[in-house]
Protein backbone atom coordinates (compact mmCIF):
# COMPACT_ATOMS: atom_id res chain seq x y z
CA MET A 1 -8.32 -3.98 -37.93
CA THR A 2 -9.02 -0.38 -39.17
CA SER A 3 -6.72 1.25 -41.66
CA THR A 4 -6.20 3.95 -39.01
CA GLY A 5 -4.14 1.33 -36.96
CA VAL A 6 -2.12 0.44 -40.04
CA LEU A 7 -1.50 4.14 -40.90
CA ALA A 8 -0.67 5.32 -37.36
CA GLY A 9 1.89 2.48 -37.02
CA ALA A 10 3.58 3.59 -40.34
CA ALA A 11 3.52 7.13 -39.45
CA ILE A 12 5.13 6.49 -35.93
CA GLY A 13 7.52 3.82 -37.29
CA GLY A 14 8.62 5.22 -40.45
CA ALA A 15 11.04 2.79 -42.07
CA GLY A 16 12.12 1.43 -38.95
CA ASN A 17 11.42 -1.95 -37.04
CA LYS A 18 8.18 -0.67 -35.73
CA VAL A 19 6.60 -1.15 -38.90
CA LYS A 20 7.78 -4.60 -39.38
CA VAL A 21 6.74 -5.49 -35.98
CA GLY A 22 3.44 -3.82 -36.54
CA ASN A 23 2.99 -5.50 -39.81
CA VAL A 24 3.89 -9.00 -38.41
CA ARG A 25 1.26 -8.59 -35.75
CA VAL A 26 -1.34 -7.53 -38.57
CA GLU A 27 -0.53 -10.48 -40.58
CA GLN A 28 -0.77 -12.92 -37.54
CA GLN A 29 -4.30 -11.46 -36.67
CA VAL A 30 -5.31 -11.83 -40.37
CA THR A 31 -4.18 -15.61 -40.31
CA LEU A 32 -5.83 -16.22 -36.91
CA ALA A 33 -9.07 -14.74 -38.32
CA GLU A 34 -8.66 -16.92 -41.63
CA GLN A 35 -7.97 -20.12 -39.36
CA LEU A 36 -11.07 -19.43 -37.34
CA ARG A 37 -13.32 -18.80 -40.40
CA ARG A 38 -12.09 -22.14 -41.75
CA LEU A 39 -12.69 -23.75 -38.49
CA VAL A 40 -16.36 -22.46 -38.59
CA ASP A 41 -16.75 -23.82 -41.88
CA GLU A 42 -15.55 -27.29 -40.88
CA LEU A 43 -17.58 -27.32 -37.76
CA ARG A 44 -20.79 -26.49 -39.56
CA LEU A 45 -20.10 -29.46 -41.91
CA ASP A 46 -21.92 -31.84 -39.20
CA ALA A 47 -25.66 -31.78 -39.76
CA GLU A 48 -26.24 -33.42 -36.35
CA LEU A 49 -24.89 -30.55 -34.16
CA THR A 50 -26.32 -30.48 -30.66
CA ALA A 51 -27.51 -27.13 -29.06
CA GLU A 52 -24.27 -26.87 -27.18
CA GLN A 53 -22.17 -27.46 -30.38
CA ARG A 54 -24.06 -24.73 -32.21
CA LYS A 55 -23.19 -22.37 -29.31
CA ASP A 56 -19.71 -23.49 -29.78
CA VAL A 57 -19.85 -22.68 -33.60
CA GLN A 58 -21.28 -19.17 -32.71
CA ALA A 59 -18.51 -18.63 -30.20
CA VAL A 60 -15.78 -19.66 -32.85
CA ALA A 61 -17.55 -17.27 -35.39
CA SER A 62 -17.61 -14.39 -32.91
CA ALA A 63 -13.81 -15.10 -32.13
CA ALA A 64 -13.12 -14.81 -35.81
CA SER A 65 -14.94 -11.43 -36.20
CA HIS A 66 -12.74 -10.24 -33.00
CA ALA A 67 -9.61 -11.61 -34.68
CA GLU A 68 -10.26 -9.57 -38.01
CA GLU A 69 -10.67 -6.48 -35.84
CA GLY A 70 -7.51 -7.21 -33.95
CA GLN A 71 -8.96 -7.73 -30.46
CA LYS A 72 -7.01 -10.70 -29.15
CA GLY A 73 -8.66 -10.46 -25.77
CA ALA A 74 -12.07 -10.42 -27.15
CA VAL A 75 -10.92 -13.62 -29.09
CA ARG A 76 -9.90 -15.61 -26.11
CA ARG A 77 -12.90 -14.56 -24.12
CA ALA A 78 -15.11 -15.89 -27.04
CA LEU A 79 -13.05 -19.15 -27.14
CA ALA A 80 -13.04 -19.57 -23.27
CA GLY A 81 -16.13 -21.91 -23.10
CA VAL A 82 -16.12 -24.03 -26.15
CA GLY A 83 -15.92 -27.69 -25.96
CA GLY A 84 -13.13 -29.84 -26.40
CA TRP A 85 -14.44 -31.11 -29.74
CA VAL A 86 -13.52 -27.60 -31.18
CA LEU A 87 -9.97 -28.06 -30.37
CA ASP A 88 -10.00 -31.62 -32.09
CA VAL A 89 -11.31 -30.30 -35.12
CA ALA A 90 -8.84 -27.27 -35.13
CA ARG A 91 -5.97 -29.84 -34.78
CA ARG A 92 -7.41 -32.12 -37.56
CA ILE A 93 -7.62 -29.17 -40.11
CA GLY A 94 -4.16 -27.65 -39.20
CA ALA A 95 -5.31 -24.45 -37.55
CA ASP A 96 -2.25 -24.09 -35.46
CA LEU A 97 -2.78 -20.46 -34.41
CA VAL A 98 -6.42 -21.57 -33.17
CA VAL A 99 -4.93 -24.68 -31.59
CA ARG A 100 -2.58 -22.40 -29.60
CA GLU A 101 -5.53 -20.17 -28.49
CA LEU A 102 -7.63 -23.10 -27.46
CA GLU A 103 -4.91 -24.83 -25.78
CA HIS A 104 -5.03 -21.96 -23.06
CA PHE A 105 -8.24 -23.29 -21.66
CA THR A 106 -7.18 -27.10 -21.37
């Protein structure tokens, strides 16, 4: 997410609820990005990844980049084709926000 988005929200919302809502959204996006990055690290621990699994890891890494930029639609598009094993690992490491995103496709 760019600083422009944060500043625009602060300028429009002032001290009202809009700032709080905007900040909550930003915090959730950062958390999703963090969880996606942690998931990528965990997925890469398996040295015996198949070609398809390596593509899944790349898709999750791409989703993490999109999450950092606040692009929720792009996150979902990146995760749309990953295998069920990614969801299993996300559940195992407690990446709840990622699990919610992946459950859209099951």
